[in-house]
C-alpha atoms as a PDB file:
ATOM      1  CA  MET A   1      12.856 -21.826  -7.687  1.00  0.00           C
ATOM      2  CA  VAL A   2      10.859 -25.061  -8.063  1.00  0.00           C
ATOM      3  CA  ILE A   3       8.230 -25.429  -5.410  1.00  0.00           C
ATOM      4  CA  ARG A   4       8.845 -28.554  -3.337  1.00  0.00           C
ATOM      5  CA  MET A   5       5.765 -28.856  -1.198  1.00  0.00           C
ATOM      6  CA  LEU A   6       2.456 -27.001  -1.246  1.00  0.00           C
ATOM      7  CA  LEU A   7       0.507 -26.261   1.891  1.00  0.00           C
ATOM      8  CA  LYS A   8      -2.266 -28.667   0.917  1.00  0.00           C
ATOM      9  CA  GLU A   9       0.242 -31.524   0.620  1.00  0.00           C
ATOM     10  CA  LEU A  10       1.655 -30.770   4.055  1.00  0.00           C
ATOM     11  CA  LEU A  11      -1.823 -30.750   5.553  1.00  0.00           C
ATOM     12  CA  ILE A  12      -2.791 -34.053   3.949  1.00  0.00           C
ATOM     13  CA  GLN A  13       0.445 -35.662   5.134  1.00  0.00           C
ATOM     14  CA  TYR A  14      -0.199 -34.383   8.648  1.00  0.00           C
ATOM     15  CA  GLU A  15      -3.759 -35.755   8.636  1.00  0.00           C
ATOM     16  CA  VAL A  16      -2.661 -39.197   7.456  1.00  0.00           C
ATOM     17  CA  LYS A  17       0.309 -39.430   9.803  1.00  0.00           C
ATOM     18  CA  ASN A  18      -1.736 -38.400  12.833  1.00  0.00           C
ATOM     19  CA  ASP A  19      -5.062 -39.992  11.800  1.00  0.00           C
ATOM     20  CA  LYS A  20      -6.902 -36.664  12.046  1.00  0.00           C
ATOM     21  CA  SER A  21      -9.874 -35.286  10.136  1.00  0.00           C
ATOM     22  CA  HIS A  22     -10.181 -31.958   8.308  1.00  0.00           C
ATOM     23  CA  VAL A  23     -12.312 -30.663  11.170  1.00  0.00           C
ATOM     24  CA  GLU A  24      -9.750 -31.630  13.805  1.00  0.00           C
ATOM     25  CA  VAL A  25      -6.790 -30.061  12.009  1.00  0.00           C
ATOM     26  CA  ALA A  26      -8.702 -26.864  11.204  1.00  0.00           C
ATOM     27  CA  LYS A  27      -9.558 -26.535  14.891  1.00  0.00           C
ATOM     28  CA  GLU A  28      -5.971 -27.256  15.914  1.00  0.00           C
ATOM     29  CA  VAL A  29      -4.635 -24.574  13.572  1.00  0.00           C
ATOM     30  CA  GLY A  30      -7.358 -22.135  14.610  1.00  0.00           C
ATOM     31  CA  VAL A  31      -9.144 -21.483  11.304  1.00  0.00           C
ATOM     32  CA  SER A  32     -12.656 -22.070  10.010  1.00  0.00           C
ATOM     33  CA  LEU A  33     -13.430 -25.252   8.104  1.00  0.00           C
ATOM     34  CA  SER A  34     -14.184 -23.217   4.950  1.00  0.00           C
ATOM     35  CA  THR A  35     -10.717 -21.635   5.105  1.00  0.00           C
ATOM     36  CA  TYR A  36      -9.173 -25.054   5.624  1.00  0.00           C
ATOM     37  CA  TYR A  37     -10.973 -26.401   2.540  1.00  0.00           C
ATOM     38  CA  ARG A  38      -9.650 -23.470   0.487  1.00  0.00           C
ATOM     39  CA  TRP A  39      -6.147 -24.463   1.527  1.00  0.00           C
ATOM     40  CA  LEU A  40      -6.808 -28.064   0.479  1.00  0.00           C
ATOM     41  CA  ASN A  41      -8.026 -26.781  -2.897  1.00  0.00           C
ATOM     42  CA  GLY A  42      -4.801 -24.844  -3.381  1.00  0.00           C
ATOM     43  CA  GLU A  43      -6.458 -21.474  -2.788  1.00  0.00           C
ATOM     44  CA  SER A  44      -6.032 -18.651  -0.291  1.00  0.00           C
ATOM     45  CA  LEU A  45      -2.378 -18.439   0.668  1.00  0.00           C
ATOM     46  CA  HIS A  46      -2.722 -14.864   1.919  1.00  0.00           C
ATOM     47  CA  LEU A  47      -2.052 -15.805   5.519  1.00  0.00           C
ATOM     48  CA  LYS A  48      -1.757 -13.661   8.615  1.00  0.00           C
ATOM     49  CA  LYS A  49       1.478 -13.903  10.571  1.00  0.00           C
ATOM     50  CA  ARG A  50      -0.156 -15.609  13.529  1.00  0.00           C
ATOM     51  CA  THR A  51      -1.669 -18.228  11.198  1.00  0.00           C
ATOM     52  CA  ILE A  52       1.708 -18.833   9.558  1.00  0.00           C
ATOM     53  CA  ASP A  53       3.329 -19.204  12.969  1.00  0.00           C
ATOM     54  CA  ARG A  54       0.644 -21.630  14.146  1.00  0.00           C
ATOM     55  CA  LEU A  55       0.838 -23.705  10.955  1.00  0.00           C
ATOM     56  CA  SER A  56       4.614 -23.877  11.238  1.00  0.00           C
ATOM     57  CA  GLU A  57       4.276 -25.063  14.831  1.00  0.00           C
ATOM     58  CA  VAL A  58       1.635 -27.709  14.088  1.00  0.00           C
ATOM     59  CA  LEU A  59       3.182 -29.038  10.863  1.00  0.00           C
ATOM     60  CA  HIS A  60       6.825 -28.686  11.947  1.00  0.00           C
ATOM     61  CA  TYR A  61       7.610 -26.935   8.668  1.00  0.00           C
ATOM     62  CA  ASP A  62       8.549 -23.379   7.676  1.00  0.00           C
ATOM     63  CA  ILE A  63       5.251 -22.169   6.184  1.00  0.00           C
ATOM     64  CA  ASN A  64       6.834 -18.838   5.223  1.00  0.00           C
ATOM     65  CA  GLN A  65       8.742 -20.804   2.586  1.00  0.00           C
ATOM     66  CA  VAL A  66       5.539 -22.397   1.267  1.00  0.00           C
ATOM     67  CA  VAL A  67       3.782 -19.031   1.021  1.00  0.00           C
ATOM     68  CA  GLU A  68       6.716 -17.368  -0.740  1.00  0.00           C
ATOM     69  CA  GLU A  69       7.068 -20.156  -3.298  1.00  0.00           C
ATOM     70  CA  SER A  70       3.320 -20.460  -3.898  1.00  0.00           C
ATOM     71  CA  ALA A  71       3.105 -16.728  -4.602  1.00  0.00           C
ATOM     72  CA  ARG A  72       5.409 -17.269  -7.596  1.00  0.00           C
ATOM     73  CA  LEU A  73       3.959 -20.505  -8.978  1.00  0.00           C
ATOM     74  CA  LYS A  74       0.674 -19.878 -10.814  1.00  0.00           C
ATOM     75  CA  PRO A  75      -1.682 -22.593 -12.084  1.00  0.00           C
ATOM     76  CA  ILE A  76      -3.070 -22.832 -15.606  1.00  0.00           C
ATOM     77  CA  LEU A  77      -6.790 -23.384 -15.123  1.00  0.00           C
ATOM     78  CA  GLY A  78      -8.442 -25.012 -18.106  1.00  0.00           C
ATOM     79  CA  GLN A  79      -9.748 -22.691 -20.785  1.00  0.00           C
ATOM     80  CA  VAL A  80     -11.779 -19.550 -21.201  1.00  0.00           C
ATOM     81  CA  LYS A  81     -13.807 -19.029 -24.357  1.00  0.00           C
ATOM     82  CA  ALA A  82     -13.136 -15.945 -26.455  1.00  0.00           C
ATOM     83  CA  GLY A  83     -16.806 -16.121 -27.390  1.00  0.00           C
ATOM     84  CA  TYR A  84     -19.824 -16.873 -25.246  1.00  0.00           C
ATOM     85  CA  ASP A  85     -20.344 -20.615 -24.992  1.00  0.00           C
ATOM     86  CA  LEU A  86     -17.565 -22.498 -23.185  1.00  0.00           C
ATOM     87  CA  TYR A  87     -17.445 -23.237 -19.470  1.00  0.00           C
ATOM     88  CA  ALA A  88     -14.465 -22.182 -17.408  1.00  0.00           C
ATOM     89  CA  GLN A  89     -12.967 -25.534 -16.441  1.00  0.00           C
ATOM     90  CA  GLU A  90     -10.887 -25.505 -13.297  1.00  0.00           C
ATOM     91  CA  ASP A  91      -8.761 -28.511 -14.206  1.00  0.00           C
ATOM     92  CA  ILE A  92      -5.148 -27.547 -13.670  1.00  0.00           C
ATOM     93  CA  GLU A  93      -3.125 -28.074 -16.866  1.00  0.00           C
ATOM     94  CA  GLY A  94       0.171 -27.138 -15.274  1.00  0.00           C
ATOM     95  CA  TYR A  95       2.012 -24.286 -13.586  1.00  0.00           C
ATOM     96  CA  ILE A  96       4.021 -21.255 -14.649  1.00  0.00           C
ATOM     97  CA  GLU A  97       6.722 -19.877 -12.395  1.00  0.00           C
ATOM     98  CA  LEU A  98       6.888 -16.083 -12.323  1.00  0.00           C
ATOM     99  CA  GLY A  99       9.223 -13.516 -10.873  1.00  0.00           C
ATOM    100  CA  LEU A 100       8.265 -12.132  -7.487  1.00  0.00           C
ATOM    101  CA  ALA A 101       6.868  -8.853  -8.902  1.00  0.00           C
ATOM    102  CA  ASP A 102       4.651 -10.591 -11.482  1.00  0.00           C
ATOM    103  CA  GLY A 103       3.630 -13.197  -8.941  1.00  0.00           C
ATOM    104  CA  GLN A 104       2.007 -10.494  -6.842  1.00  0.00           C
ATOM    105  CA  LYS A 105      -0.037  -9.097  -9.745  1.00  0.00           C
ATOM    106  CA  GLY A 106      -2.344 -12.041 -10.399  1.00  0.00           C
ATOM    107  CA  ASP A 107      -3.646 -15.416  -9.314  1.00  0.00           C
ATOM    108  CA  TYR A 108      -3.839 -17.831 -12.244  1.00  0.00           C
ATOM    109  CA  PHE A 109      -3.641 -18.305 -16.012  1.00  0.00           C
ATOM    110  CA  LEU A 110      -6.522 -19.251 -18.304  1.00  0.00           C
ATOM    111  CA  ARG A 111      -6.150 -20.511 -21.867  1.00  0.00           C
ATOM    112  CA  VAL A 112      -8.108 -18.688 -24.583  1.00  0.00           C
ATOM    113  CA  THR A 113     -10.089 -20.485 -27.280  1.00  0.00           C
ATOM    114  CA  GLY A 114     -11.450 -18.500 -30.216  1.00  0.00           C
ATOM    115  CA  ASP A 115     -10.775 -15.303 -32.128  1.00  0.00           C
ATOM    116  CA  SER A 116     -13.165 -12.734 -30.691  1.00  0.00           C
ATOM    117  CA  MET A 117     -10.391 -10.800 -28.889  1.00  0.00           C
ATOM    118  CA  GLU A 118      -7.837 -10.679 -31.712  1.00  0.00           C
ATOM    119  CA  GLY A 119      -8.154  -6.898 -31.953  1.00  0.00           C
ATOM    120  CA  SER A 120      -6.701  -6.743 -28.437  1.00  0.00           C
ATOM    121  CA  HIS A 121      -3.860  -9.094 -29.466  1.00  0.00           C
ATOM    122  CA  ILE A 122      -5.370 -12.030 -27.574  1.00  0.00           C
ATOM    123  CA  TYR A 123      -5.271 -15.052 -29.858  1.00  0.00           C
ATOM    124  CA  ASP A 124      -6.505 -18.621 -29.846  1.00  0.00           C
ATOM    125  CA  GLY A 125      -4.294 -20.679 -27.521  1.00  0.00           C
ATOM    126  CA  ASP A 126      -2.882 -17.701 -25.619  1.00  0.00           C
ATOM    127  CA  LEU A 127      -2.663 -17.670 -21.855  1.00  0.00           C
ATOM    128  CA  VAL A 128      -4.175 -14.707 -20.035  1.00  0.00           C
ATOM    129  CA  TYR A 129      -2.859 -13.870 -16.585  1.00  0.00           C
ATOM    130  CA  VAL A 130      -5.813 -13.132 -14.315  1.00  0.00           C
ATOM    131  CA  GLN A 131      -6.170 -11.284 -11.042  1.00  0.00           C
ATOM    132  CA  GLN A 132      -9.214 -12.467  -9.110  1.00  0.00           C
ATOM    133  CA  CYS A 133     -11.654  -9.613  -8.519  1.00  0.00           C
ATOM    134  CA  ASP A 134     -15.359  -8.874  -8.719  1.00  0.00           C
ATOM    135  CA  CYS A 135     -15.237  -5.498 -10.472  1.00  0.00           C
ATOM    136  CA  VAL A 136     -13.210  -3.731 -13.162  1.00  0.00           C
ATOM    137  CA  GLU A 137     -13.108  -0.242 -14.613  1.00  0.00           C
ATOM    138  CA  SER A 138     -14.980   0.539 -17.809  1.00  0.00           C
ATOM    139  CA  GLY A 139     -12.884  -0.457 -20.823  1.00  0.00           C
ATOM    140  CA  GLN A 140     -10.792  -3.096 -19.065  1.00  0.00           C
ATOM    141  CA  ILE A 141     -10.604  -6.713 -20.239  1.00  0.00           C
ATOM    142  CA  ALA A 142     -12.135  -9.160 -17.790  1.00  0.00           C
ATOM    143  CA  ILE A 143     -13.161 -12.755 -17.273  1.00  0.00           C
ATOM    144  CA  VAL A 144     -16.940 -12.724 -16.911  1.00  0.00           C
ATOM    145  CA  LEU A 145     -19.401 -15.450 -15.989  1.00  0.00           C
ATOM    146  CA  VAL A 146     -22.724 -15.141 -17.797  1.00  0.00           C
ATOM    147  CA  GLY A 147     -24.887 -17.644 -15.989  1.00  0.00           C
ATOM    148  CA  GLN A 148     -22.550 -20.636 -15.843  1.00  0.00           C
ATOM    149  CA  GLU A 149     -20.595 -19.732 -18.977  1.00  0.00           C
ATOM    150  CA  ALA A 150     -17.262 -17.932 -18.953  1.00  0.00           C
ATOM    151  CA  THR A 151     -16.066 -15.411 -21.496  1.00  0.00           C
ATOM    152  CA  ILE A 152     -13.243 -12.905 -21.907  1.00  0.00           C
ATOM    153  CA  LYS A 153     -14.388  -9.474 -23.065  1.00  0.00           C
ATOM    154  CA  LYS A 154     -13.936  -5.747 -22.659  1.00  0.00           C
ATOM    155  CA  VAL A 155     -16.399  -4.500 -20.063  1.00  0.00           C
ATOM    156  CA  TYR A 156     -18.170  -1.172 -20.406  1.00  0.00           C
ATOM    157  CA  TYR A 157     -20.777   0.550 -18.262  1.00  0.00           C
ATOM    158  CA  LYS A 158     -23.260   2.916 -19.889  1.00  0.00           C
ATOM    159  CA  GLN A 159     -26.200   4.319 -17.963  1.00  0.00           C
ATOM    160  CA  ASP A 160     -27.888   1.220 -16.507  1.00  0.00           C
ATOM    161  CA  LEU A 161     -26.279  -1.232 -18.926  1.00  0.00           C
ATOM    162  CA  MET A 162     -23.314  -3.562 -18.614  1.00  0.00           C
ATOM    163  CA  ILE A 163     -21.766  -4.182 -22.035  1.00  0.00           C
ATOM    164  CA  LEU A 164     -19.452  -7.045 -23.012  1.00  0.00           C
ATOM    165  CA  GLU A 165     -17.578  -6.106 -26.163  1.00  0.00           C
ATOM    166  CA  ALA A 166     -15.440  -8.299 -28.406  1.00  0.00           C
ATOM    167  CA  SER A 167     -12.347  -7.012 -30.212  1.00  0.00           C
ATOM    168  CA  ASN A 168     -13.400  -8.562 -33.503  1.00  0.00           C
ATOM    169  CA  ALA A 169     -16.067  -7.121 -35.800  1.00  0.00           C
ATOM    170  CA  LYS A 170     -17.470 -10.622 -36.432  1.00  0.00           C
ATOM    171  CA  TYR A 171     -18.916 -10.665 -32.920  1.00  0.00           C
ATOM    172  CA  ASN A 172     -21.723  -8.472 -31.654  1.00  0.00           C
ATOM    173  CA  SER A 173     -21.548  -6.812 -28.268  1.00  0.00           C
ATOM    174  CA  LYS A 174     -23.743  -8.178 -25.500  1.00  0.00           C
ATOM    175  CA  PHE A 175     -25.909  -5.758 -23.515  1.00  0.00           C
ATOM    176  CA  PHE A 176     -27.256  -6.572 -20.058  1.00  0.00           C
ATOM    177  CA  THR A 177     -29.692  -4.571 -17.975  1.00  0.00           C
ATOM    178  CA  GLN A 178     -29.203  -4.310 -14.232  1.00  0.00           C
ATOM    179  CA  GLN A 179     -32.012  -6.821 -13.786  1.00  0.00           C
ATOM    180  CA  GLU A 180     -30.310  -9.300 -16.137  1.00  0.00           C
ATOM    181  CA  VAL A 181     -26.985  -8.785 -14.358  1.00  0.00           C
ATOM    182  CA  GLU A 182     -28.649  -9.806 -11.110  1.00  0.00           C
ATOM    183  CA  GLU A 183     -30.858 -12.604 -12.430  1.00  0.00           C
ATOM    184  CA  LEU A 184     -28.604 -14.479 -14.890  1.00  0.00           C
ATOM    185  CA  PRO A 185     -26.298 -13.502 -13.136  1.00  0.00           C
ATOM    186  CA  VAL A 186     -23.514 -11.673 -14.964  1.00  0.00           C
ATOM    187  CA  ARG A 187     -20.499 -11.706 -12.683  1.00  0.00           C
ATOM    188  CA  ILE A 188     -16.938 -10.464 -13.127  1.00  0.00           C
ATOM    189  CA  ILE A 189     -14.485 -12.997 -11.735  1.00  0.00           C
ATOM    190  CA  GLY A 190     -11.140 -11.599 -12.836  1.00  0.00           C
ATOM    191  CA  LEU A 191      -9.140  -8.822 -14.475  1.00  0.00           C
ATOM    192  CA  VAL A 192      -6.800  -9.749 -17.332  1.00  0.00           C
ATOM    193  CA  ARG A 193      -3.374  -8.391 -16.410  1.00  0.00           C
ATOM    194  CA  TYR A 194      -1.474  -9.498 -19.512  1.00  0.00           C
ATOM    195  CA  VAL A 195      -1.179 -12.151 -22.209  1.00  0.00           C
ATOM    196  CA  ARG A 196       1.594 -14.610 -22.965  1.00  0.00           C
ATOM    197  CA  ARG A 197       1.971 -17.189 -25.690  1.00  0.00           C
ATOM    198  CA  ASP A 198       5.367 -18.721 -24.925  1.00  0.00           C
ATOM    199  CA  PHE A 199       3.982 -21.529 -22.744  1.00  0.00           C
ATOM    200  CA  LEU A 200       1.908 -23.740 -25.046  1.00  0.00           C
END
């Protein structure tokens, strides 16, 4: 199924047609302005039934259809460095359409640059499918922000340390104390669900 119209496009069309501001439409729909901005940025389509019903009423469009299609169409967001020194760029390169089951497992794809995760069969140019989250279990592969820099690594917890480990002997592990985790900060932003390399 090819998605025909995203929620953000419907909202923008409604604003233009009715000469209304973001604030006015958010109030009309009954959501906070921050939620409304997330919709305009293509985020947060986990909507409650009453919100879907109200949106459908205001926009004169079946929002259930938008939500269902958006759940299957995942954006490719820039790149993530398989190292330690490249920013996560949220420029959308394109979209990948998934089956319904896979669509519910994650939120977006990121493209890998570098060879530090080759031991985990994650290669330069691969796409990793990421589920947004702020914590992972020890040993899982995650997208981690260290300060403002993004990296993909295995995450381990040992005593009071957080360890980011590459899957390539050329790269040393990074160790962070609890104080460094809080001050840098070191923040998990996603769990890698799987890798694919058939969409280059």
